PDB file of all heavy atoms in Angstrom:
ATOM      1  N   TRP A   1      97.382 118.954  96.079  1.00  0.00           N
ATOM      2  CA  TRP A   1      96.698 117.966  96.909  1.00  0.00           C
ATOM      3  C   TRP A   1      96.318 118.556  98.267  1.00  0.00           C
ATOM      4  O   TRP A   1      95.219 118.352  98.765  1.00  0.00           O
ATOM      5  CB  TRP A   1      97.595 116.736  97.091  1.00  0.00           C
ATOM      6  CG  TRP A   1      96.925 115.607  97.782  1.00  0.00           C
ATOM      7  CD1 TRP A   1      96.239 114.573  97.206  1.00  0.00           C
ATOM      8  CD2 TRP A   1      96.853 115.382  99.199  1.00  0.00           C
ATOM      9  NE1 TRP A   1      95.752 113.737  98.179  1.00  0.00           N
ATOM     10  CE2 TRP A   1      96.116 114.218  99.408  1.00  0.00           C
ATOM     11  CE3 TRP A   1      97.342 116.077 100.306  1.00  0.00           C
ATOM     12  CZ2 TRP A   1      95.851 113.712 100.673  1.00  0.00           C
ATOM     13  CZ3 TRP A   1      97.082 115.582 101.575  1.00  0.00           C
ATOM     14  CH2 TRP A   1      96.351 114.411 101.742  1.00  0.00           C
ATOM     15  N   VAL A   2      97.248 119.310  98.874  1.00  0.00           N
ATOM     16  CA  VAL A   2      96.995 119.932 100.177  1.00  0.00           C
ATOM     17  C   VAL A   2      95.827 120.895 100.081  1.00  0.00           C
ATOM     18  O   VAL A   2      94.942 120.914 100.941  1.00  0.00           O
ATOM     19  CB  VAL A   2      98.264 120.637 100.711  1.00  0.00           C
ATOM     20  CG1 VAL A   2      97.940 121.547 101.883  1.00  0.00           C
ATOM     21  CG2 VAL A   2      99.313 119.613 101.111  1.00  0.00           C
ATOM     22  N   ARG A   3      95.794 121.709  99.026  1.00  0.00           N
ATOM     23  CA  ARG A   3      94.709 122.683  98.869  1.00  0.00           C
ATOM     24  C   ARG A   3      93.350 121.980  98.801  1.00  0.00           C
ATOM     25  O   ARG A   3      92.401 122.410  99.433  1.00  0.00           O
ATOM     26  CB  ARG A   3      94.899 123.512  97.605  1.00  0.00           C
ATOM     27  CG  ARG A   3      93.781 124.531  97.417  1.00  0.00           C
ATOM     28  CD  ARG A   3      93.801 125.188  96.073  1.00  0.00           C
ATOM     29  NE  ARG A   3      95.033 125.908  95.847  1.00  0.00           N
ATOM     30  CZ  ARG A   3      95.109 127.011  95.133  1.00  0.00           C
ATOM     31  NH1 ARG A   3      94.040 127.518  94.588  1.00  0.00           N
ATOM     32  NH2 ARG A   3      96.254 127.594  94.939  1.00  0.00           N
ATOM     33  N   ILE A   4      93.295 120.880  98.098  1.00  0.00           N
ATOM     34  CA  ILE A   4      92.031 120.161  97.917  1.00  0.00           C
ATOM     35  C   ILE A   4      91.649 119.342  99.154  1.00  0.00           C
ATOM     36  O   ILE A   4      90.479 119.317  99.550  1.00  0.00           O
ATOM     37  CB  ILE A   4      92.114 119.234  96.682  1.00  0.00           C
ATOM     38  CG1 ILE A   4      92.228 120.072  95.420  1.00  0.00           C
ATOM     39  CG2 ILE A   4      90.914 118.295  96.614  1.00  0.00           C
ATOM     40  CD1 ILE A   4      92.629 119.279  94.191  1.00  0.00           C
ATOM     41  N   ASN A   5      92.617 118.688  99.778  1.00  0.00           N
ATOM     42  CA  ASN A   5      92.321 117.698 100.813  1.00  0.00           C
ATOM     43  C   ASN A   5      92.513 118.137 102.262  1.00  0.00           C
ATOM     44  O   ASN A   5      91.893 117.555 103.148  1.00  0.00           O
ATOM     45  CB  ASN A   5      93.165 116.439 100.575  1.00  0.00           C
ATOM     46  CG  ASN A   5      92.787 115.765  99.287  1.00  0.00           C
ATOM     47  OD1 ASN A   5      91.786 115.088  99.201  1.00  0.00           O
ATOM     48  ND2 ASN A   5      93.598 115.969  98.258  1.00  0.00           N
ATOM     49  N   LEU A   6      93.356 119.118 102.516  1.00  0.00           N
ATOM     50  CA  LEU A   6      93.637 119.479 103.908  1.00  0.00           C
ATOM     51  C   LEU A   6      93.171 120.863 104.321  1.00  0.00           C
ATOM     52  O   LEU A   6      92.726 121.050 105.446  1.00  0.00           O
ATOM     53  CB  LEU A   6      95.135 119.361 104.213  1.00  0.00           C
ATOM     54  CG  LEU A   6      95.725 117.961 104.255  1.00  0.00           C
ATOM     55  CD1 LEU A   6      97.196 118.033 104.639  1.00  0.00           C
ATOM     56  CD2 LEU A   6      94.980 117.072 105.226  1.00  0.00           C
ATOM     57  N   ILE A   7      93.307 121.834 103.445  1.00  0.00           N
ATOM     58  CA  ILE A   7      92.962 123.206 103.801  1.00  0.00           C
ATOM     59  C   ILE A   7      91.439 123.328 103.853  1.00  0.00           C
ATOM     60  O   ILE A   7      90.766 123.219 102.831  1.00  0.00           O
ATOM     61  CB  ILE A   7      93.554 124.219 102.798  1.00  0.00           C
ATOM     62  CG1 ILE A   7      95.065 124.072 102.719  1.00  0.00           C
ATOM     63  CG2 ILE A   7      93.150 125.644 103.178  1.00  0.00           C
ATOM     64  CD1 ILE A   7      95.818 124.391 103.968  1.00  0.00           C
ATOM     65  N   LYS A   8      90.924 123.539 105.050  1.00  0.00           N
ATOM     66  CA  LYS A   8      89.472 123.594 105.237  1.00  0.00           C
ATOM     67  C   LYS A   8      88.935 125.016 105.276  1.00  0.00           C
ATOM     68  O   LYS A   8      87.764 125.247 105.044  1.00  0.00           O
ATOM     69  CB  LYS A   8      89.078 122.869 106.539  1.00  0.00           C
ATOM     70  CG  LYS A   8      89.511 121.418 106.571  1.00  0.00           C
ATOM     71  CD  LYS A   8      88.886 120.628 105.448  1.00  0.00           C
ATOM     72  CE  LYS A   8      89.320 119.167 105.503  1.00  0.00           C
ATOM     73  NZ  LYS A   8      88.923 118.420 104.347  1.00  0.00           N
ATOM     74  N   GLU A   9      89.794 125.970 105.608  1.00  0.00           N
ATOM     75  CA  GLU A   9      89.373 127.357 105.713  1.00  0.00           C
ATOM     76  C   GLU A   9      90.380 128.268 105.013  1.00  0.00           C
ATOM     77  O   GLU A   9      91.566 128.026 105.074  1.00  0.00           O
ATOM     78  CB  GLU A   9      89.276 127.787 107.179  1.00  0.00           C
ATOM     79  CG  GLU A   9      88.253 127.025 107.982  1.00  0.00           C
ATOM     80  CD  GLU A   9      88.229 127.494 109.425  1.00  0.00           C
ATOM     81  OE1 GLU A   9      88.561 128.662 109.676  1.00  0.00           O
ATOM     82  OE2 GLU A   9      87.883 126.687 110.286  1.00  0.00           O
ATOM     83  N   ARG A  10      89.890 129.272 104.357  1.00  0.00           N
ATOM     84  CA  ARG A  10      90.696 130.344 103.771  1.00  0.00           C
ATOM     85  C   ARG A  10      91.943 129.867 103.018  1.00  0.00           C
ATOM     86  O   ARG A  10      93.075 130.178 103.398  1.00  0.00           O
ATOM     87  CB  ARG A  10      91.074 131.341 104.844  1.00  0.00           C
ATOM     88  CG  ARG A  10      89.827 131.906 105.546  1.00  0.00           C
ATOM     89  CD  ARG A  10      90.138 132.935 106.534  1.00  0.00           C
ATOM     90  NE  ARG A  10      90.689 134.097 105.833  1.00  0.00           N
ATOM     91  CZ  ARG A  10      91.117 135.174 106.435  1.00  0.00           C
ATOM     92  NH1 ARG A  10      91.067 135.264 107.738  1.00  0.00           N
ATOM     93  NH2 ARG A  10      91.611 136.174 105.752  1.00  0.00           N
ATOM     94  N   PRO A  11      91.757 129.098 101.952  1.00  0.00           N
ATOM     95  CA  PRO A  11      92.921 128.610 101.192  1.00  0.00           C
ATOM     96  C   PRO A  11      93.802 129.730 100.650  1.00  0.00           C
ATOM     97  O   PRO A  11      94.996 129.534 100.431  1.00  0.00           O
ATOM     98  CB  PRO A  11      92.298 127.787 100.064  1.00  0.00           C
ATOM     99  CG  PRO A  11      90.891 128.247  99.972  1.00  0.00           C
ATOM    100  CD  PRO A  11      90.495 128.708 101.342  1.00  0.00           C
ATOM    101  N   GLU A  12      93.231 130.920 100.474  1.00  0.00           N
ATOM    102  CA  GLU A  12      94.014 132.049  99.975  1.00  0.00           C
ATOM    103  C   GLU A  12      95.084 132.486 100.972  1.00  0.00           C
ATOM    104  O   GLU A  12      96.029 133.180 100.608  1.00  0.00           O
ATOM    105  CB  GLU A  12      93.100 133.229  99.615  1.00  0.00           C
ATOM    106  CG  GLU A  12      92.447 133.917 100.789  1.00  0.00           C
ATOM    107  CD  GLU A  12      91.181 133.245 101.329  1.00  0.00           C
ATOM    108  OE1 GLU A  12      90.796 132.172 100.827  1.00  0.00           O
ATOM    109  OE2 GLU A  12      90.598 133.812 102.267  1.00  0.00           O
ATOM    110  N   MET A  13      94.963 132.073 102.230  1.00  0.00           N
ATOM    111  CA  MET A  13      95.978 132.391 103.230  1.00  0.00           C
ATOM    112  C   MET A  13      97.184 131.446 103.128  1.00  0.00           C
ATOM    113  O   MET A  13      98.236 131.720 103.680  1.00  0.00           O
ATOM    114  CB  MET A  13      95.393 132.310 104.648  1.00  0.00           C
ATOM    115  CG  MET A  13      94.282 133.300 104.910  1.00  0.00           C
ATOM    116  SD  MET A  13      94.796 135.007 104.743  1.00  0.00           S
ATOM    117  CE  MET A  13      95.912 135.159 106.104  1.00  0.00           C
ATOM    118  N   PHE A  14      96.996 130.336 102.414  1.00  0.00           N
ATOM    119  CA  PHE A  14      98.070 129.358 102.257  1.00  0.00           C
ATOM    120  C   PHE A  14      98.697 129.418 100.868  1.00  0.00           C
ATOM    121  O   PHE A  14      99.910 129.334 100.730  1.00  0.00           O
ATOM    122  CB  PHE A  14      97.520 127.949 102.519  1.00  0.00           C
ATOM    123  CG  PHE A  14      98.543 126.854 102.392  1.00  0.00           C
ATOM    124  CD1 PHE A  14      99.565 126.740 103.318  1.00  0.00           C
ATOM    125  CD2 PHE A  14      98.482 125.943 101.358  1.00  0.00           C
ATOM    126  CE1 PHE A  14     100.514 125.730 103.210  1.00  0.00           C
ATOM    127  CE2 PHE A  14      99.418 124.930 101.238  1.00  0.00           C
ATOM    128  CZ  PHE A  14     100.439 124.831 102.161  1.00  0.00           C
ATOM    129  N   MET A  15      97.851 129.581  99.852  1.00  0.00           N
ATOM    130  CA  MET A  15      98.361 129.542  98.484  1.00  0.00           C
ATOM    131  C   MET A  15      98.002 130.793  97.703  1.00  0.00           C
ATOM    132  O   MET A  15      96.974 131.421  97.939  1.00  0.00           O
ATOM    133  CB  MET A  15      97.823 128.316  97.753  1.00  0.00           C
ATOM    134  CG  MET A  15      98.371 127.025  98.322  1.00  0.00           C
ATOM    135  SD  MET A  15      97.983 125.586  97.324  1.00  0.00           S
ATOM    136  CE  MET A  15      98.969 125.880  95.878  1.00  0.00           C
ATOM    137  N   LYS A  16      98.871 131.110  96.773  1.00  0.00           N
ATOM    138  CA  LYS A  16      98.641 132.187  95.811  1.00  0.00           C
ATOM    139  C   LYS A  16      99.002 131.613  94.455  1.00  0.00           C
ATOM    140  O   LYS A  16     100.159 131.270  94.214  1.00  0.00           O
ATOM    141  CB  LYS A  16      99.509 133.395  96.146  1.00  0.00           C
ATOM    142  CG  LYS A  16      99.264 134.577  95.242  1.00  0.00           C
ATOM    143  CD  LYS A  16     100.065 135.768  95.702  1.00  0.00           C
ATOM    144  CE  LYS A  16      99.740 136.970  94.828  1.00  0.00           C
ATOM    145  NZ  LYS A  16     100.486 138.148  95.259  1.00  0.00           N
ATOM    146  N   GLY A  17      97.993 131.433  93.603  1.00  0.00           N
ATOM    147  CA  GLY A  17      98.224 130.757  92.328  1.00  0.00           C
ATOM    148  C   GLY A  17      98.519 129.294  92.591  1.00  0.00           C
ATOM    149  O   GLY A  17      97.801 128.632  93.325  1.00  0.00           O
ATOM    150  N   ASP A  18      99.621 128.797  92.029  1.00  0.00           N
ATOM    151  CA  ASP A  18      99.975 127.385  92.236  1.00  0.00           C
ATOM    152  C   ASP A  18     101.128 127.210  93.225  1.00  0.00           C
ATOM    153  O   ASP A  18     101.756 126.160  93.291  1.00  0.00           O
ATOM    154  CB  ASP A  18     100.317 126.719  90.901  1.00  0.00           C
ATOM    155  CG  ASP A  18     101.599 127.255  90.280  1.00  0.00           C
ATOM    156  OD1 ASP A  18     102.076 128.312  90.726  1.00  0.00           O
ATOM    157  OD2 ASP A  18     102.113 126.626  89.349  1.00  0.00           O
ATOM    158  N   SER A  19     101.391 128.248  94.029  1.00  0.00           N
ATOM    159  CA  SER A  19     102.486 128.186  94.993  1.00  0.00           C
ATOM    160  C   SER A  19     101.996 128.631  96.367  1.00  0.00           C
ATOM    161  O   SER A  19     100.872 129.113  96.503  1.00  0.00           O
ATOM    162  CB  SER A  19     103.637 129.083  94.540  1.00  0.00           C
ATOM    163  OG  SER A  19     104.764 128.886  95.378  1.00  0.00           O
ATOM    164  N   VAL A  20     102.853 128.466  97.367  1.00  0.00           N
ATOM    165  CA  VAL A  20     102.519 128.989  98.686  1.00  0.00           C
ATOM    166  C   VAL A  20     102.642 130.508  98.648  1.00  0.00           C
ATOM    167  O   VAL A  20     103.365 131.065  97.820  1.00  0.00           O
ATOM    168  CB  VAL A  20     103.424 128.402  99.792  1.00  0.00           C
ATOM    169  CG1 VAL A  20     103.164 126.932  99.983  1.00  0.00           C
ATOM    170  CG2 VAL A  20     104.884 128.663  99.521  1.00  0.00           C
ATOM    171  N   ARG A  21     101.929 131.167  99.542  1.00  0.00           N
ATOM    172  CA  ARG A  21     102.008 132.624  99.621  1.00  0.00           C
ATOM    173  C   ARG A  21     103.406 133.058 100.070  1.00  0.00           C
ATOM    174  O   ARG A  21     104.086 132.312 100.783  1.00  0.00           O
ATOM    175  CB  ARG A  21     100.979 133.151 100.611  1.00  0.00           C
ATOM    176  CG  ARG A  21      99.552 133.000 100.150  1.00  0.00           C
ATOM    177  CD  ARG A  21      98.591 133.740 101.047  1.00  0.00           C
ATOM    178  NE  ARG A  21      98.771 135.184 100.987  1.00  0.00           N
ATOM    179  CZ  ARG A  21      98.341 135.969 100.003  1.00  0.00           C
ATOM    180  NH1 ARG A  21      97.702 135.447  98.976  1.00  0.00           N
ATOM    181  NH2 ARG A  21      98.540 137.268 100.044  1.00  0.00           N
ATOM    182  N   PRO A  22     103.811 134.252  99.684  1.00  0.00           N
ATOM    183  CA  PRO A  22     105.076 134.781 100.208  1.00  0.00           C
ATOM    184  C   PRO A  22     105.006 134.812 101.736  1.00  0.00           C
ATOM    185  O   PRO A  22     103.961 135.093 102.316  1.00  0.00           O
ATOM    186  CB  PRO A  22     105.127 136.204  99.648  1.00  0.00           C
ATOM    187  CG  PRO A  22     104.267 136.150  98.417  1.00  0.00           C
ATOM    188  CD  PRO A  22     103.177 135.162  98.727  1.00  0.00           C
ATOM    189  N   GLY A  23     106.110 134.472 102.383  1.00  0.00           N
ATOM    190  CA  GLY A  23     106.129 134.453 103.839  1.00  0.00           C
ATOM    191  C   GLY A  23     105.898 133.079 104.431  1.00  0.00           C
ATOM    192  O   GLY A  23     105.911 132.918 105.647  1.00  0.00           O
ATOM    193  N   ILE A  24     105.691 132.065 103.581  1.00  0.00           N
ATOM    194  CA  ILE A  24     105.550 130.699 104.071  1.00  0.00           C
ATOM    195  C   ILE A  24     106.817 129.934 103.710  1.00  0.00           C
ATOM    196  O   ILE A  24     107.179 129.820 102.544  1.00  0.00           O
ATOM    197  CB  ILE A  24     104.303 129.997 103.490  1.00  0.00           C
ATOM    198  CG1 ILE A  24     103.048 130.703 103.999  1.00  0.00           C
ATOM    199  CG2 ILE A  24     104.290 128.521 103.890  1.00  0.00           C
ATOM    200  CD1 ILE A  24     101.752 130.124 103.496  1.00  0.00           C
ATOM    201  N   LEU A  25     107.489 129.465 104.737  1.00  0.00           N
ATOM    202  CA  LEU A  25     108.711 128.684 104.576  1.00  0.00           C
ATOM    203  C   LEU A  25     108.326 127.222 104.369  1.00  0.00           C
ATOM    204  O   LEU A  25     107.487 126.694 105.089  1.00  0.00           O
ATOM    205  CB  LEU A  25     109.579 128.827 105.834  1.00  0.00           C
ATOM    206  CG  LEU A  25     110.872 128.045 105.897  1.00  0.00           C
ATOM    207  CD1 LEU A  25     111.835 128.518 104.812  1.00  0.00           C
ATOM    208  CD2 LEU A  25     111.506 128.221 107.267  1.00  0.00           C
ATOM    209  N   VAL A  26     108.923 126.588 103.362  1.00  0.00           N
ATOM    210  CA  VAL A  26     108.661 125.182 103.084  1.00  0.00           C
ATOM    211  C   VAL A  26     109.963 124.415 103.250  1.00  0.00           C
ATOM    212  O   VAL A  26     110.981 124.760 102.644  1.00  0.00           O
ATOM    213  CB  VAL A  26     108.109 124.975 101.647  1.00  0.00           C
ATOM    214  CG1 VAL A  26     107.822 123.505 101.395  1.00  0.00           C
ATOM    215  CG2 VAL A  26     106.860 125.816 101.421  1.00  0.00           C
ATOM    216  N   LEU A  27     109.919 123.397 104.104  1.00  0.00           N
ATOM    217  CA  LEU A  27     111.089 122.554 104.340  1.00  0.00           C
ATOM    218  C   LEU A  27     110.772 121.121 103.945  1.00  0.00           C
ATOM    219  O   LEU A  27     109.705 120.609 104.265  1.00  0.00           O
ATOM    220  CB  LEU A  27     111.481 122.581 105.823  1.00  0.00           C
ATOM    221  CG  LEU A  27     111.767 123.947 106.440  1.00  0.00           C
ATOM    222  CD1 LEU A  27     111.978 123.806 107.937  1.00  0.00           C
ATOM    223  CD2 LEU A  27     112.970 124.588 105.787  1.00  0.00           C
ATOM    224  N   VAL A  28     111.703 120.491 103.242  1.00  0.00           N
ATOM    225  CA  VAL A  28     111.579 119.077 102.898  1.00  0.00           C
ATOM    226  C   VAL A  28     112.714 118.366 103.624  1.00  0.00           C
ATOM    227  O   VAL A  28     113.888 118.623 103.334  1.00  0.00           O
ATOM    228  CB  VAL A  28     111.681 118.846 101.374  1.00  0.00           C
ATOM    229  CG1 VAL A  28     111.593 117.363 101.054  1.00  0.00           C
ATOM    230  CG2 VAL A  28     110.602 119.631 100.636  1.00  0.00           C
ATOM    231  N   ASN A  29     112.356 117.536 104.589  1.00  0.00           N
ATOM    232  CA  ASN A  29     113.363 116.856 105.417  1.00  0.00           C
ATOM    233  C   ASN A  29     114.366 117.853 105.994  1.00  0.00           C
ATOM    234  O   ASN A  29     115.580 117.670 105.911  1.00  0.00           O
ATOM    235  CB  ASN A  29     114.066 115.747 104.630  1.00  0.00           C
ATOM    236  CG  ASN A  29     113.090 114.711 104.132  1.00  0.00           C
ATOM    237  OD1 ASN A  29     112.134 114.363 104.818  1.00  0.00           O
ATOM    238  ND2 ASN A  29     113.303 114.220 102.926  1.00  0.00           N
ATOM    239  N   ASP A  30     113.840 118.954 106.537  1.00  0.00           N
ATOM    240  CA  ASP A  30     114.612 120.022 107.194  1.00  0.00           C
ATOM    241  C   ASP A  30     115.487 120.837 106.245  1.00  0.00           C
ATOM    242  O   ASP A  30     116.372 121.565 106.690  1.00  0.00           O
ATOM    243  CB  ASP A  30     115.477 119.461 108.338  1.00  0.00           C
ATOM    244  CG  ASP A  30     114.629 118.907 109.472  1.00  0.00           C
ATOM    245  OD1 ASP A  30     113.550 119.471 109.736  1.00  0.00           O
ATOM    246  OD2 ASP A  30     115.051 117.912 110.078  1.00  0.00           O
ATOM    247  N   CYS A  31     115.247 120.737 104.953  1.00  0.00           N
ATOM    248  CA  CYS A  31     116.002 121.522 103.960  1.00  0.00           C
ATOM    249  C   CYS A  31     115.044 122.472 103.239  1.00  0.00           C
ATOM    250  O   CYS A  31     113.964 122.057 102.810  1.00  0.00           O
ATOM    251  CB  CYS A  31     116.676 120.589 102.963  1.00  0.00           C
ATOM    252  SG  CYS A  31     117.659 121.457 101.721  1.00  0.00           S
ATOM    253  N   ASP A  32     115.439 123.734 103.104  1.00  0.00           N
ATOM    254  CA  ASP A  32     114.619 124.723 102.411  1.00  0.00           C
ATOM    255  C   ASP A  32     114.320 124.245 100.990  1.00  0.00           C
ATOM    256  O   ASP A  32     115.228 123.856 100.257  1.00  0.00           O
ATOM    257  CB  ASP A  32     115.367 126.057 102.365  1.00  0.00           C
ATOM    258  CG  ASP A  32     114.518 127.213 101.861  1.00  0.00           C
ATOM    259  OD1 ASP A  32     113.718 127.013 100.928  1.00  0.00           O
ATOM    260  OD2 ASP A  32     114.676 128.319 102.395  1.00  0.00           O
ATOM    261  N   TRP A  33     113.053 124.277 100.613  1.00  0.00           N
ATOM    262  CA  TRP A  33     112.658 123.758  99.306  1.00  0.00           C
ATOM    263  C   TRP A  33     113.336 124.500  98.161  1.00  0.00           C
ATOM    264  O   TRP A  33     113.498 123.945  97.077  1.00  0.00           O
ATOM    265  CB  TRP A  33     111.148 123.738  99.163  1.00  0.00           C
ATOM    266  CG  TRP A  33     110.465 125.070  98.958  1.00  0.00           C
ATOM    267  CD1 TRP A  33     110.770 126.269  99.512  1.00  0.00           C
ATOM    268  CD2 TRP A  33     109.340 125.304  98.118  1.00  0.00           C
ATOM    269  NE1 TRP A  33     109.898 127.232  99.099  1.00  0.00           N
ATOM    270  CE2 TRP A  33     109.009 126.670  98.228  1.00  0.00           C
ATOM    271  CE3 TRP A  33     108.572 124.510  97.292  1.00  0.00           C
ATOM    272  CZ2 TRP A  33     107.941 127.246  97.546  1.00  0.00           C
ATOM    273  CZ3 TRP A  33     107.508 125.090  96.622  1.00  0.00           C
ATOM    274  CH2 TRP A  33     107.203 126.435  96.741  1.00  0.00           C
ATOM    275  N   GLU A  34     113.728 125.752  98.360  1.00  0.00           N
ATOM    276  CA  GLU A  34     114.418 126.503  97.312  1.00  0.00           C
ATOM    277  C   GLU A  34     115.775 125.864  97.000  1.00  0.00           C
ATOM    278  O   GLU A  34     116.252 125.940  95.875  1.00  0.00           O
ATOM    279  CB  GLU A  34     114.611 127.963  97.727  1.00  0.00           C
ATOM    280  CG  GLU A  34     113.318 128.728  97.926  1.00  0.00           C
ATOM    281  CD  GLU A  34     112.563 128.962  96.624  1.00  0.00           C
ATOM    282  OE1 GLU A  34     113.191 128.954  95.549  1.00  0.00           O
ATOM    283  OE2 GLU A  34     111.334 129.149  96.690  1.00  0.00           O
ATOM    284  N   LEU A  35     116.387 125.224  97.984  1.00  0.00           N
ATOM    285  CA  LEU A  35     117.670 124.561  97.774  1.00  0.00           C
ATOM    286  C   LEU A  35     117.496 123.158  97.191  1.00  0.00           C
ATOM    287  O   LEU A  35     118.446 122.591  96.661  1.00  0.00           O
ATOM    288  CB  LEU A  35     118.445 124.468  99.093  1.00  0.00           C
ATOM    289  CG  LEU A  35     118.757 125.802  99.774  1.00  0.00           C
ATOM    290  CD1 LEU A  35     119.406 125.562 101.129  1.00  0.00           C
ATOM    291  CD2 LEU A  35     119.631 126.658  98.884  1.00  0.00           C
ATOM    292  N   CYS A  36     116.296 122.618  97.309  1.00  0.00           N
ATOM    293  CA  CYS A  36     116.019 121.255  96.834  1.00  0.00           C
ATOM    294  C   CYS A  36     115.481 121.217  95.405  1.00  0.00           C
ATOM    295  O   CYS A  36     115.381 120.153  94.820  1.00  0.00           O
ATOM    296  CB  CYS A  36     114.985 120.583  97.736  1.00  0.00           C
ATOM    297  SG  CYS A  36     115.490 120.396  99.432  1.00  0.00           S
ATOM    298  N   GLY A  37     115.068 122.358  94.877  1.00  0.00           N
ATOM    299  CA  GLY A  37     114.511 122.383  93.532  1.00  0.00           C
ATOM    300  C   GLY A  37     113.154 123.054  93.440  1.00  0.00           C
ATOM    301  O   GLY A  37     112.518 123.012  92.396  1.00  0.00           O
ATOM    302  N   GLY A  38     112.695 123.662  94.531  1.00  0.00           N
ATOM    303  CA  GLY A  38     111.424 124.389  94.509  1.00  0.00           C
ATOM    304  C   GLY A  38     110.249 123.494  94.155  1.00  0.00           C
ATOM    305  O   GLY A  38     110.131 122.381  94.650  1.00  0.00           O
ATOM    306  N   HIS A  39     109.396 123.975  93.277  1.00  0.00           N
ATOM    307  CA  HIS A  39     108.191 123.240  92.875  1.00  0.00           C
ATOM    308  C   HIS A  39     108.493 121.876  92.268  1.00  0.00           C
ATOM    309  O   HIS A  39     107.676 120.969  92.327  1.00  0.00           O
ATOM    310  CB  HIS A  39     107.386 124.047  91.845  1.00  0.00           C
ATOM    311  CG  HIS A  39     106.696 125.221  92.438  1.00  0.00           C
ATOM    312  ND1 HIS A  39     107.222 126.479  92.368  1.00  0.00           N
ATOM    313  CD2 HIS A  39     105.531 125.319  93.103  1.00  0.00           C
ATOM    314  CE1 HIS A  39     106.404 127.310  92.968  1.00  0.00           C
ATOM    315  NE2 HIS A  39     105.372 126.636  93.429  1.00  0.00           N
ATOM    316  N   ASP A  40     109.659 121.756  91.658  1.00  0.00           N
ATOM    317  CA  ASP A  40     110.004 120.512  90.962  1.00  0.00           C
ATOM    318  C   ASP A  40     110.697 119.482  91.854  1.00  0.00           C
ATOM    319  O   ASP A  40     111.102 118.425  91.380  1.00  0.00           O
ATOM    320  CB  ASP A  40     110.882 120.823  89.745  1.00  0.00           C
ATOM    321  CG  ASP A  40     110.150 121.704  88.744  1.00  0.00           C
ATOM    322  OD1 ASP A  40     108.935 121.511  88.563  1.00  0.00           O
ATOM    323  OD2 ASP A  40     110.786 122.602  88.161  1.00  0.00           O
ATOM    324  N   THR A  41     110.810 119.780  93.139  1.00  0.00           N
ATOM    325  CA  THR A  41     111.410 118.833  94.079  1.00  0.00           C
ATOM    326  C   THR A  41     110.630 117.525  94.063  1.00  0.00           C
ATOM    327  O   THR A  41     109.414 117.522  94.235  1.00  0.00           O
ATOM    328  CB  THR A  41     111.405 119.412  95.514  1.00  0.00           C
ATOM    329  OG1 THR A  41     112.134 120.633  95.519  1.00  0.00           O
ATOM    330  CG2 THR A  41     112.016 118.429  96.499  1.00  0.00           C
ATOM    331  N   GLU A  42     111.318 116.424  93.823  1.00  0.00           N
ATOM    332  CA  GLU A  42     110.657 115.112  93.831  1.00  0.00           C
ATOM    333  C   GLU A  42     110.632 114.569  95.245  1.00  0.00           C
ATOM    334  O   GLU A  42     111.668 114.510  95.916  1.00  0.00           O
ATOM    335  CB  GLU A  42     111.372 114.150  92.891  1.00  0.00           C
ATOM    336  CG  GLU A  42     111.190 114.503  91.443  1.00  0.00           C
ATOM    337  CD  GLU A  42     111.809 113.490  90.497  1.00  0.00           C
ATOM    338  OE1 GLU A  42     112.155 112.369  90.939  1.00  0.00           O
ATOM    339  OE2 GLU A  42     111.947 113.828  89.317  1.00  0.00           O
ATOM    340  N   LEU A  43     109.458 114.184  95.683  1.00  0.00           N
ATOM    341  CA  LEU A  43     109.293 113.638  97.024  1.00  0.00           C
ATOM    342  C   LEU A  43     109.435 112.131  97.005  1.00  0.00           C
ATOM    343  O   LEU A  43     109.179 111.489  95.996  1.00  0.00           O
ATOM    344  CB  LEU A  43     107.919 114.038  97.568  1.00  0.00           C
ATOM    345  CG  LEU A  43     107.704 115.558  97.689  1.00  0.00           C
ATOM    346  CD1 LEU A  43     106.259 115.863  98.018  1.00  0.00           C
ATOM    347  CD2 LEU A  43     108.639 116.142  98.716  1.00  0.00           C
ATOM    348  N   GLU A  44     109.850 111.597  98.145  1.00  0.00           N
ATOM    349  CA  GLU A  44     110.029 110.155  98.291  1.00  0.00           C
ATOM    350  C   GLU A  44     109.232 109.666  99.493  1.00  0.00           C
ATOM    351  O   GLU A  44     108.857 110.443 100.363  1.00  0.00           O
ATOM    352  CB  GLU A  44     111.514 109.824  98.476  1.00  0.00           C
ATOM    353  CG  GLU A  44     112.359 110.209  97.281  1.00  0.00           C
ATOM    354  CD  GLU A  44     113.831 109.897  97.479  1.00  0.00           C
ATOM    355  OE1 GLU A  44     114.190 109.343  98.540  1.00  0.00           O
ATOM    356  OE2 GLU A  44     114.616 110.222  96.577  1.00  0.00           O
ATOM    357  N   GLU A  45     109.007 108.367  99.521  1.00  0.00           N
ATOM    358  CA  GLU A  45     108.288 107.733 100.626  1.00  0.00           C
ATOM    359  C   GLU A  45     108.876 108.172 101.970  1.00  0.00           C
ATOM    360  O   GLU A  45     110.094 108.230 102.130  1.00  0.00           O
ATOM    361  CB  GLU A  45     108.400 106.213 100.477  1.00  0.00           C
ATOM    362  CG  GLU A  45     107.576 105.425 101.447  1.00  0.00           C
ATOM    363  CD  GLU A  45     106.098 105.379 101.071  1.00  0.00           C
ATOM    364  OE1 GLU A  45     105.752 105.573  99.891  1.00  0.00           O
ATOM    365  OE2 GLU A  45     105.298 105.140 101.983  1.00  0.00           O
ATOM    366  N   LYS A  46     107.997 108.519 102.900  1.00  0.00           N
ATOM    367  CA  LYS A  46     108.336 108.896 104.277  1.00  0.00           C
ATOM    368  C   LYS A  46     109.017 110.258 104.404  1.00  0.00           C
ATOM    369  O   LYS A  46     109.566 110.572 105.469  1.00  0.00           O
ATOM    370  CB  LYS A  46     109.174 107.810 104.961  1.00  0.00           C
ATOM    371  CG  LYS A  46     108.438 106.493 105.088  1.00  0.00           C
ATOM    372  CD  LYS A  46     109.244 105.480 105.838  1.00  0.00           C
ATOM    373  CE  LYS A  46     108.480 104.160 105.928  1.00  0.00           C
ATOM    374  NZ  LYS A  46     109.259 103.120 106.588  1.00  0.00           N
TER     375      LYS A  46
END
């Protein structure tokens, strides 16, 4: 969704394949996404 709706310039700098590029830290509610389940992390309202 982010790639389609928010990234306006150079999407290759944000994503590689179906994931973020190496070197981009992803936090869900201040927790590293790798500890939350990575790509399969289920998001909740807010």
